[in-house]
C-alpha atoms as a PDB file:
ATOM      1  CA  MET A   1       1.696   5.264  17.867  1.00  0.00           C
ATOM      2  CA  LYS A   2       0.384   9.246  16.209  1.00  0.00           C
ATOM      3  CA  PRO A   3      -0.972   8.892  12.792  1.00  0.00           C
ATOM      4  CA  VAL A   4       1.508  10.612  10.339  1.00  0.00           C
ATOM      5  CA  LYS A   5       0.396  13.529   8.241  1.00  0.00           C
ATOM      6  CA  GLY A   6       0.116  12.440   4.634  1.00  0.00           C
ATOM      7  CA  LEU A   7       0.219   8.446   4.956  1.00  0.00           C
ATOM      8  CA  SER A   8      -3.855   8.104   5.134  1.00  0.00           C
ATOM      9  CA  HIS A   9      -4.125  10.012   2.048  1.00  0.00           C
ATOM     10  CA  LEU A  10      -1.803   7.442   0.353  1.00  0.00           C
ATOM     11  CA  LEU A  11      -3.364   4.217   1.556  1.00  0.00           C
ATOM     12  CA  GLU A  12      -7.049   6.299   1.170  1.00  0.00           C
ATOM     13  CA  THR A  13      -5.587   6.414  -2.182  1.00  0.00           C
ATOM     14  CA  LEU A  14      -5.089   2.749  -2.732  1.00  0.00           C
ATOM     15  CA  GLN A  15      -8.149   1.980  -0.972  1.00  0.00           C
ATOM     16  CA  ARG A  16     -10.041   3.871  -3.859  1.00  0.00           C
ATOM     17  CA  ARG A  17      -8.340   1.450  -6.291  1.00  0.00           C
ATOM     18  CA  PHE A  18      -8.757  -1.844  -4.454  1.00  0.00           C
ATOM     19  CA  ASP A  19     -12.444  -1.267  -4.274  1.00  0.00           C
ATOM     20  CA  ALA A  20     -12.393  -0.030  -8.514  1.00  0.00           C
ATOM     21  CA  ILE A  21     -10.497  -3.217  -9.304  1.00  0.00           C
ATOM     22  CA  GLU A  22     -13.394  -5.190  -6.675  1.00  0.00           C
ATOM     23  CA  LYS A  23     -16.218  -3.888  -8.543  1.00  0.00           C
ATOM     24  CA  THR A  24     -14.616  -4.741 -12.295  1.00  0.00           C
ATOM     25  CA  LYS A  25     -13.572  -8.431 -10.912  1.00  0.00           C
ATOM     26  CA  GLY A  26     -16.294  -9.108  -9.200  1.00  0.00           C
ATOM     27  CA  SER A  27     -16.139 -11.927  -6.660  1.00  0.00           C
ATOM     28  CA  VAL A  28     -12.520 -13.225  -7.129  1.00  0.00           C
ATOM     29  CA  ALA A  29     -11.340 -10.245  -5.375  1.00  0.00           C
ATOM     30  CA  LYS A  30     -14.259 -10.318  -3.162  1.00  0.00           C
ATOM     31  CA  GLY A  31     -13.697 -13.623  -2.059  1.00  0.00           C
ATOM     32  CA  LEU A  32      -9.617 -12.736  -1.033  1.00  0.00           C
ATOM     33  CA  ARG A  33     -11.133  -9.834   1.347  1.00  0.00           C
ATOM     34  CA  LYS A  34     -10.068 -10.510   5.072  1.00  0.00           C
ATOM     35  CA  SER A  35     -13.075 -11.208   7.280  1.00  0.00           C
ATOM     36  CA  ALA A  36     -14.278  -8.457   9.316  1.00  0.00           C
ATOM     37  CA  GLN A  37     -12.643 -10.335  12.186  1.00  0.00           C
ATOM     38  CA  THR A  38      -9.022  -9.881  11.047  1.00  0.00           C
ATOM     39  CA  LYS A  39      -9.138  -6.836   9.108  1.00  0.00           C
ATOM     40  CA  ILE A  40      -6.272  -4.777  10.050  1.00  0.00           C
ATOM     41  CA  THR A  41      -7.225  -1.480  12.006  1.00  0.00           C
ATOM     42  CA  SER A  42      -6.036   1.896  10.015  1.00  0.00           C
ATOM     43  CA  GLN A  43      -3.780   2.795  12.714  1.00  0.00           C
ATOM     44  CA  THR A  44      -2.199  -0.635  13.187  1.00  0.00           C
ATOM     45  CA  LEU A  45      -1.385  -0.085   9.259  1.00  0.00           C
ATOM     46  CA  GLN A  46       0.243   3.013   9.455  1.00  0.00           C
ATOM     47  CA  SER A  47       2.291   2.285  12.251  1.00  0.00           C
ATOM     48  CA  THR A  48       3.556  -0.916  10.334  1.00  0.00           C
ATOM     49  CA  VAL A  49       3.833   1.175   7.425  1.00  0.00           C
ATOM     50  CA  THR A  50       5.747   4.649   9.044  1.00  0.00           C
ATOM     51  CA  SER A  51       7.964   1.988  10.801  1.00  0.00           C
ATOM     52  CA  ARG A  52       9.474   0.021   7.949  1.00  0.00           C
ATOM     53  CA  LEU A  53       9.477   2.871   5.512  1.00  0.00           C
ATOM     54  CA  ARG A  54      12.360   4.724   8.594  1.00  0.00           C
ATOM     55  CA  LYS A  55      14.434   1.779   7.637  1.00  0.00           C
ATOM     56  CA  ILE A  56      14.921   2.839   3.914  1.00  0.00           C
ATOM     57  CA  SER A  57      18.175   4.837   3.767  1.00  0.00           C
ATOM     58  CA  LYS A  58      17.888   8.723   3.135  1.00  0.00           C
ATOM     59  CA  ASP A  59      20.302   8.087   0.923  1.00  0.00           C
ATOM     60  CA  ASP A  60      18.931   5.276  -1.506  1.00  0.00           C
ATOM     61  CA  PRO A  61      18.488   6.131  -4.874  1.00  0.00           C
ATOM     62  CA  GLU A  62      15.251   3.888  -5.121  1.00  0.00           C
ATOM     63  CA  ARG A  63      14.165   5.095  -1.538  1.00  0.00           C
ATOM     64  CA  THR A  64      10.630   6.187  -3.701  1.00  0.00           C
ATOM     65  CA  GLU A  65      10.111   2.840  -5.375  1.00  0.00           C
ATOM     66  CA  LYS A  66      10.809   0.762  -2.375  1.00  0.00           C
ATOM     67  CA  ALA A  67       8.679   3.014  -0.443  1.00  0.00           C
ATOM     68  CA  SER A  68       5.838   2.479  -2.683  1.00  0.00           C
ATOM     69  CA  ILE A  69       5.908  -1.350  -2.372  1.00  0.00           C
ATOM     70  CA  ILE A  70       6.070  -1.197   1.171  1.00  0.00           C
ATOM     71  CA  ILE A  71       2.936   1.010   0.994  1.00  0.00           C
ATOM     72  CA  ILE A  72       1.060  -1.232  -1.727  1.00  0.00           C
ATOM     73  CA  SER A  73       1.927  -4.302  -0.160  1.00  0.00           C
ATOM     74  CA  GLU A  74       1.089  -3.466   3.400  1.00  0.00           C
ATOM     75  CA  ALA A  75      -2.047  -2.277   1.702  1.00  0.00           C
ATOM     76  CA  LEU A  76      -2.712  -5.407   0.013  1.00  0.00           C
ATOM     77  CA  ALA A  77      -2.060  -7.744   3.336  1.00  0.00           C
ATOM     78  CA  SER A  78      -4.276  -5.297   5.777  1.00  0.00           C
ATOM     79  CA  ARG A  79      -7.520  -5.722   2.657  1.00  0.00           C
ATOM     80  CA  PHE A  80      -6.937  -9.507   1.950  1.00  0.00           C
ATOM     81  CA  ASP A  81      -6.114 -12.812   3.270  1.00  0.00           C
ATOM     82  CA  GLU A  82      -2.714 -14.394   3.114  1.00  0.00           C
ATOM     83  CA  GLU A  83      -3.458 -16.293   0.129  1.00  0.00           C
ATOM     84  CA  VAL A  84      -3.172 -13.245  -1.965  1.00  0.00           C
ATOM     85  CA  PHE A  85       0.912 -13.495  -1.052  1.00  0.00           C
ATOM     86  CA  ASN A  86       1.337 -17.099  -2.502  1.00  0.00           C
ATOM     87  CA  ASP A  87      -0.593 -16.280  -5.661  1.00  0.00           C
ATOM     88  CA  SER A  88       2.037 -16.715  -8.844  1.00  0.00           C
ATOM     89  CA  GLY A  89       1.251 -13.124 -10.303  1.00  0.00           C
ATOM     90  CA  PHE A  90       1.689 -11.364  -6.928  1.00  0.00           C
ATOM     91  CA  ILE A  91       5.164  -9.784  -7.835  1.00  0.00           C
ATOM     92  CA  GLU A  92       3.689  -8.789 -10.606  1.00  0.00           C
ATOM     93  CA  LEU A  93       0.514  -7.003  -9.247  1.00  0.00           C
ATOM     94  CA  ILE A  94       2.666  -5.250  -6.678  1.00  0.00           C
ATOM     95  CA  ASP A  95       5.167  -4.119  -9.746  1.00  0.00           C
ATOM     96  CA  LYS A  96       1.593  -2.962 -12.087  1.00  0.00           C
ATOM     97  CA  ILE A  97       0.284  -1.210  -9.100  1.00  0.00           C
ATOM     98  CA  LYS A  98       3.353   1.102  -8.162  1.00  0.00           C
ATOM     99  CA  LYS A  99       3.898   1.732 -11.944  1.00  0.00           C
ATOM    100  CA  VAL A 100       0.236   3.147 -11.732  1.00  0.00           C
ATOM    101  CA  PHE A 101       0.746   4.698  -8.099  1.00  0.00           C
ATOM    102  CA  LEU A 102       3.958   6.328  -9.332  1.00  0.00           C
ATOM    103  CA  THR A 103       3.125   7.547 -12.756  1.00  0.00           C
ATOM    104  CA  GLU A 104       0.685  10.044 -10.729  1.00  0.00           C
ATOM    105  CA  PRO A 105       2.714  12.647 -10.301  1.00  0.00           C
ATOM    106  CA  SER A 106       0.643  13.989  -7.528  1.00  0.00           C
ATOM    107  CA  VAL A 107       0.618  10.798  -5.662  1.00  0.00           C
ATOM    108  CA  ARG A 108       4.794  10.583  -6.305  1.00  0.00           C
ATOM    109  CA  GLU A 109       5.099  14.239  -4.772  1.00  0.00           C
ATOM    110  CA  LYS A 110       3.190  13.104  -1.864  1.00  0.00           C
ATOM    111  CA  VAL A 111       5.202   9.597  -1.383  1.00  0.00           C
ATOM    112  CA  GLU A 112       8.089  11.774  -1.486  1.00  0.00           C
ATOM    113  CA  ARG A 113       6.882  14.594   0.738  1.00  0.00           C
ATOM    114  CA  PHE A 114       5.941  11.790   2.720  1.00  0.00           C
ATOM    115  CA  LEU A 115       9.566  10.185   3.001  1.00  0.00           C
ATOM    116  CA  ASN A 116      11.032  13.589   3.875  1.00  0.00           C
ATOM    117  CA  SER A 117       8.988  14.103   6.650  1.00  0.00           C
ATOM    118  CA  LEU A 118      10.050  11.262   8.981  1.00  0.00           C
END
């Protein structure tokens, strides 16, 4: 599947945020990182995210929020081992990232523009 314009930038934005978290949190976050052998390629990640986003109804009033959750959770899945999904605070983490993600007008606009392009 051909990479979809706009998605790579959103995923890169998340990647930079994850890098910043790792720098401040230290070895705890690094310990959960996937090994080089199990890392998901950016093309696979884009394909998975695009496929999931296309399933959200264009009429859904929570479309942007749902899309953000998909983008964030898939980005986390591609970066960290499955252990992170079993953590009791995982849903709270997704929610916090989503709030920050969508409070930046430029990021929210990119999410909405990307959704409209599907």
